[in-house]
Amino acid sequence: MMKKLILMGRSGAGKTTLSQALRGEKTHYQKTQYISYGDFLIDTPGEYAENHDLGAALCLYAYEADVVALLIAADDEYSLFPPNITCMVNRDVIGIVTKKNKGNPERAANWLRISGCKTVFLVDSKTGEGINQVLEYLKNHKKQEK
């Protein structure tokens, strides 16, 4: 059984492109204007992570998911996520570095680890690299001990 995943990250981090790749769809640019709740994925607009007033919606939708994914693109210049933020979440939290073939993927992975992500995936949604590892995690995922 596939666990339900919610994607959180800034605008342009690659959440929607990742969700298309995870579903096996052809990737095309589509700005997420609202929370898209589907099969095993919940895609969220970047503005919800970027704006304090909208952030509460992410908390509410996280209750609908089994796994929370914090996303940072390898070419991002900063992280939105503060150190050890995952301790505030009562779901498993994974990190996903998108655009792994651009920028500095190890720096982005380190930012996710600093935020508290124990499991970090490096993916390129356009080439498909790393997508199967995320899908396998969602299929075989067991609750992490906090």
C-alpha atoms as a PDB file:
ATOM      1  CA  MET A   1       0.000   0.000   0.000  1.00  0.00           C
ATOM      2  CA  MET A   2       1.332   3.430  -0.957  1.00  0.00           C
ATOM      3  CA  LYS A   3       1.684   5.949   1.856  1.00  0.00           C
ATOM      4  CA  LYS A   4       0.239   9.432   1.259  1.00  0.00           C
ATOM      5  CA  LEU A   5       2.912  12.121   0.810  1.00  0.00           C
ATOM      6  CA  ILE A   6       2.580  15.901   1.210  1.00  0.00           C
ATOM      7  CA  LEU A   7       5.124  18.086  -0.595  1.00  0.00           C
ATOM      8  CA  MET A   8       6.240  21.352   1.026  1.00  0.00           C
ATOM      9  CA  GLY A   9       8.764  23.878  -0.206  1.00  0.00           C
ATOM     10  CA  ARG A  10       9.208  27.317  -1.732  1.00  0.00           C
ATOM     11  CA  SER A  11       7.862  28.355  -5.121  1.00  0.00           C
ATOM     12  CA  GLY A  12      10.026  26.919  -7.858  1.00  0.00           C
ATOM     13  CA  ALA A  13      11.433  24.098  -5.723  1.00  0.00           C
ATOM     14  CA  GLY A  14       9.980  21.488  -8.072  1.00  0.00           C
ATOM     15  CA  LYS A  15       7.037  20.150  -6.059  1.00  0.00           C
ATOM     16  CA  THR A  16       4.586  19.916  -8.954  1.00  0.00           C
ATOM     17  CA  THR A  17       7.179  18.553 -11.378  1.00  0.00           C
ATOM     18  CA  LEU A  18       8.100  15.940  -8.758  1.00  0.00           C
ATOM     19  CA  SER A  19       4.450  15.006  -8.251  1.00  0.00           C
ATOM     20  CA  GLN A  20       4.054  14.544 -12.025  1.00  0.00           C
ATOM     21  CA  ALA A  21       7.177  12.343 -12.125  1.00  0.00           C
ATOM     22  CA  LEU A  22       6.019  10.255  -9.146  1.00  0.00           C
ATOM     23  CA  ARG A  23       2.710   9.648 -10.906  1.00  0.00           C
ATOM     24  CA  GLY A  24       4.484   8.704 -14.141  1.00  0.00           C
ATOM     25  CA  GLU A  25       3.014  11.666 -15.996  1.00  0.00           C
ATOM     26  CA  LYS A  26       4.766  13.684 -18.668  1.00  0.00           C
ATOM     27  CA  THR A  27       6.290  16.669 -16.899  1.00  0.00           C
ATOM     28  CA  HIS A  28       5.052  20.095 -17.866  1.00  0.00           C
ATOM     29  CA  TYR A  29       5.066  23.412 -16.063  1.00  0.00           C
ATOM     30  CA  GLN A  30       1.934  24.030 -14.081  1.00  0.00           C
ATOM     31  CA  LYS A  31       1.797  26.608 -11.294  1.00  0.00           C
ATOM     32  CA  THR A  32       0.035  25.183  -8.263  1.00  0.00           C
ATOM     33  CA  GLN A  33      -2.544  27.776  -7.211  1.00  0.00           C
ATOM     34  CA  TYR A  34      -4.225  25.735  -4.470  1.00  0.00           C
ATOM     35  CA  ILE A  35      -3.588  22.580  -2.466  1.00  0.00           C
ATOM     36  CA  SER A  36      -3.951  19.676  -4.872  1.00  0.00           C
ATOM     37  CA  TYR A  37      -5.154  16.625  -2.985  1.00  0.00           C
ATOM     38  CA  GLY A  38      -4.949  13.412  -4.985  1.00  0.00           C
ATOM     39  CA  ASP A  39      -4.239   9.695  -5.019  1.00  0.00           C
ATOM     40  CA  PHE A  40      -1.110   9.351  -2.873  1.00  0.00           C
ATOM     41  CA  LEU A  41       0.160  12.931  -3.186  1.00  0.00           C
ATOM     42  CA  ILE A  42      -0.739  16.297  -1.756  1.00  0.00           C
ATOM     43  CA  ASP A  43       0.916  19.121  -3.719  1.00  0.00           C
ATOM     44  CA  THR A  44       1.024  22.539  -2.062  1.00  0.00           C
ATOM     45  CA  PRO A  45       1.679  26.039  -3.409  1.00  0.00           C
ATOM     46  CA  GLY A  46       5.081  27.425  -2.459  1.00  0.00           C
ATOM     47  CA  GLU A  47       3.439  30.555  -1.113  1.00  0.00           C
ATOM     48  CA  TYR A  48       2.058  28.477   1.767  1.00  0.00           C
ATOM     49  CA  ALA A  49       5.602  27.700   2.944  1.00  0.00           C
ATOM     50  CA  GLU A  50       6.828  31.225   2.230  1.00  0.00           C
ATOM     51  CA  ASN A  51       4.049  33.134   4.009  1.00  0.00           C
ATOM     52  CA  HIS A  52       3.529  32.813   7.753  1.00  0.00           C
ATOM     53  CA  ASP A  53      -0.203  33.544   7.474  1.00  0.00           C
ATOM     54  CA  LEU A  54      -0.702  30.677   5.012  1.00  0.00           C
ATOM     55  CA  GLY A  55       1.580  28.210   6.810  1.00  0.00           C
ATOM     56  CA  ALA A  56      -1.204  26.999   9.105  1.00  0.00           C
ATOM     57  CA  ALA A  57      -2.844  25.350   6.089  1.00  0.00           C
ATOM     58  CA  LEU A  58       0.267  23.184   5.654  1.00  0.00           C
ATOM     59  CA  CYS A  59      -0.107  21.982   9.244  1.00  0.00           C
ATOM     60  CA  LEU A  60      -3.737  21.069   8.682  1.00  0.00           C
ATOM     61  CA  TYR A  61      -3.084  19.204   5.437  1.00  0.00           C
ATOM     62  CA  ALA A  62      -0.113  17.390   6.980  1.00  0.00           C
ATOM     63  CA  TYR A  63      -2.651  15.515   9.111  1.00  0.00           C
ATOM     64  CA  GLU A  64      -4.000  13.999   5.875  1.00  0.00           C
ATOM     65  CA  ALA A  65      -0.576  12.572   4.974  1.00  0.00           C
ATOM     66  CA  ASP A  66       1.503   9.683   6.275  1.00  0.00           C
ATOM     67  CA  VAL A  67       4.775  11.323   5.252  1.00  0.00           C
ATOM     68  CA  VAL A  68       5.782  14.989   5.029  1.00  0.00           C
ATOM     69  CA  ALA A  69       8.411  15.872   2.408  1.00  0.00           C
ATOM     70  CA  LEU A  70      10.433  19.066   2.734  1.00  0.00           C
ATOM     71  CA  LEU A  71      11.807  20.066  -0.677  1.00  0.00           C
ATOM     72  CA  ILE A  72      14.813  22.185  -1.512  1.00  0.00           C
ATOM     73  CA  ALA A  73      16.116  22.561  -5.067  1.00  0.00           C
ATOM     74  CA  ALA A  74      19.845  21.984  -5.513  1.00  0.00           C
ATOM     75  CA  ASP A  75      20.109  25.462  -7.023  1.00  0.00           C
ATOM     76  CA  ASP A  76      18.306  27.221  -4.150  1.00  0.00           C
ATOM     77  CA  GLU A  77      20.380  29.897  -2.460  1.00  0.00           C
ATOM     78  CA  TYR A  78      18.839  29.394   0.976  1.00  0.00           C
ATOM     79  CA  SER A  79      16.599  27.095   2.999  1.00  0.00           C
ATOM     80  CA  LEU A  80      13.134  28.095   4.189  1.00  0.00           C
ATOM     81  CA  PHE A  81      13.256  25.463   6.912  1.00  0.00           C
ATOM     82  CA  PRO A  82      14.744  26.302  10.313  1.00  0.00           C
ATOM     83  CA  PRO A  83      17.022  23.900  12.197  1.00  0.00           C
ATOM     84  CA  ASN A  84      15.273  20.916  13.802  1.00  0.00           C
ATOM     85  CA  ILE A  85      11.801  21.904  12.548  1.00  0.00           C
ATOM     86  CA  THR A  86      10.838  18.255  12.062  1.00  0.00           C
ATOM     87  CA  CYS A  87      10.549  17.693  15.822  1.00  0.00           C
ATOM     88  CA  MET A  88       7.295  19.664  15.661  1.00  0.00           C
ATOM     89  CA  VAL A  89       5.699  17.193  13.219  1.00  0.00           C
ATOM     90  CA  ASN A  90       3.993  14.004  14.366  1.00  0.00           C
ATOM     91  CA  ARG A  91       4.467  12.372  10.966  1.00  0.00           C
ATOM     92  CA  ASP A  92       7.592  10.989   9.355  1.00  0.00           C
ATOM     93  CA  VAL A  93       9.471  13.774   7.588  1.00  0.00           C
ATOM     94  CA  ILE A  94      11.784  13.168   4.658  1.00  0.00           C
ATOM     95  CA  GLY A  95      13.897  15.594   2.692  1.00  0.00           C
ATOM     96  CA  ILE A  96      13.951  15.713  -1.081  1.00  0.00           C
ATOM     97  CA  VAL A  97      16.567  17.619  -3.043  1.00  0.00           C
ATOM     98  CA  THR A  98      15.163  18.389  -6.477  1.00  0.00           C
ATOM     99  CA  LYS A  99      17.105  19.446  -9.566  1.00  0.00           C
ATOM    100  CA  LYS A 100      19.998  17.296  -8.347  1.00  0.00           C
ATOM    101  CA  ASN A 101      21.983  17.919 -11.532  1.00  0.00           C
ATOM    102  CA  LYS A 102      22.078  21.686 -10.983  1.00  0.00           C
ATOM    103  CA  GLY A 103      23.626  23.846  -8.300  1.00  0.00           C
ATOM    104  CA  ASN A 104      24.871  22.229  -5.113  1.00  0.00           C
ATOM    105  CA  PRO A 105      22.814  19.139  -4.155  1.00  0.00           C
ATOM    106  CA  GLU A 106      24.996  18.268  -1.150  1.00  0.00           C
ATOM    107  CA  ARG A 107      24.508  21.737   0.352  1.00  0.00           C
ATOM    108  CA  ALA A 108      20.727  21.362  -0.080  1.00  0.00           C
ATOM    109  CA  ALA A 109      20.851  17.865   1.476  1.00  0.00           C
ATOM    110  CA  ASN A 110      22.785  19.256   4.448  1.00  0.00           C
ATOM    111  CA  TRP A 111      20.181  21.987   4.937  1.00  0.00           C
ATOM    112  CA  LEU A 112      17.486  19.287   5.038  1.00  0.00           C
ATOM    113  CA  ARG A 113      19.485  17.252   7.563  1.00  0.00           C
ATOM    114  CA  ILE A 114      19.935  20.359   9.729  1.00  0.00           C
ATOM    115  CA  SER A 115      16.156  20.794   9.588  1.00  0.00           C
ATOM    116  CA  GLY A 116      15.866  17.291  11.038  1.00  0.00           C
ATOM    117  CA  CYS A 117      15.309  15.069   7.995  1.00  0.00           C
ATOM    118  CA  LYS A 118      16.968  11.720   8.676  1.00  0.00           C
ATOM    119  CA  THR A 119      16.155  10.398   5.187  1.00  0.00           C
ATOM    120  CA  VAL A 120      17.083  12.575   2.202  1.00  0.00           C
ATOM    121  CA  PHE A 121      16.523  11.738  -1.466  1.00  0.00           C
ATOM    122  CA  LEU A 122      18.254  13.416  -4.409  1.00  0.00           C
ATOM    123  CA  VAL A 123      16.042  13.501  -7.496  1.00  0.00           C
ATOM    124  CA  ASP A 124      15.855  14.924 -10.981  1.00  0.00           C
ATOM    125  CA  SER A 125      12.194  14.844 -11.935  1.00  0.00           C
ATOM    126  CA  LYS A 126      12.874  15.515 -15.617  1.00  0.00           C
ATOM    127  CA  THR A 127      15.330  12.621 -16.089  1.00  0.00           C
ATOM    128  CA  GLY A 128      13.647  10.353 -13.529  1.00  0.00           C
ATOM    129  CA  GLU A 129      16.773   9.948 -11.389  1.00  0.00           C
ATOM    130  CA  GLY A 130      15.855   9.106  -7.792  1.00  0.00           C
ATOM    131  CA  ILE A 131      12.116   8.842  -8.453  1.00  0.00           C
ATOM    132  CA  ASN A 132      12.005   5.054  -7.941  1.00  0.00           C
ATOM    133  CA  GLN A 133      13.754   5.396  -4.572  1.00  0.00           C
ATOM    134  CA  VAL A 134      11.052   7.781  -3.338  1.00  0.00           C
ATOM    135  CA  LEU A 135       8.304   5.465  -4.612  1.00  0.00           C
ATOM    136  CA  GLU A 136       9.937   2.458  -2.927  1.00  0.00           C
ATOM    137  CA  TYR A 137      10.143   4.403   0.323  1.00  0.00           C
ATOM    138  CA  LEU A 138       6.419   5.178   0.121  1.00  0.00           C
ATOM    139  CA  LYS A 139       5.601   1.523  -0.596  1.00  0.00           C
ATOM    140  CA  ASN A 140       7.852   0.064   2.117  1.00  0.00           C
ATOM    141  CA  HIS A 141       7.759   2.899   4.610  1.00  0.00           C
ATOM    142  CA  LYS A 142       7.436   2.066   8.286  1.00  0.00           C
ATOM    143  CA  LYS A 143       6.874   4.610  11.037  1.00  0.00           C
ATOM    144  CA  GLN A 144      10.121   6.153  12.285  1.00  0.00           C
ATOM    145  CA  GLU A 145      10.767   6.325  15.995  1.00  0.00           C
ATOM    146  CA  LYS A 146      10.823   9.931  17.191  1.00  0.00           C
END
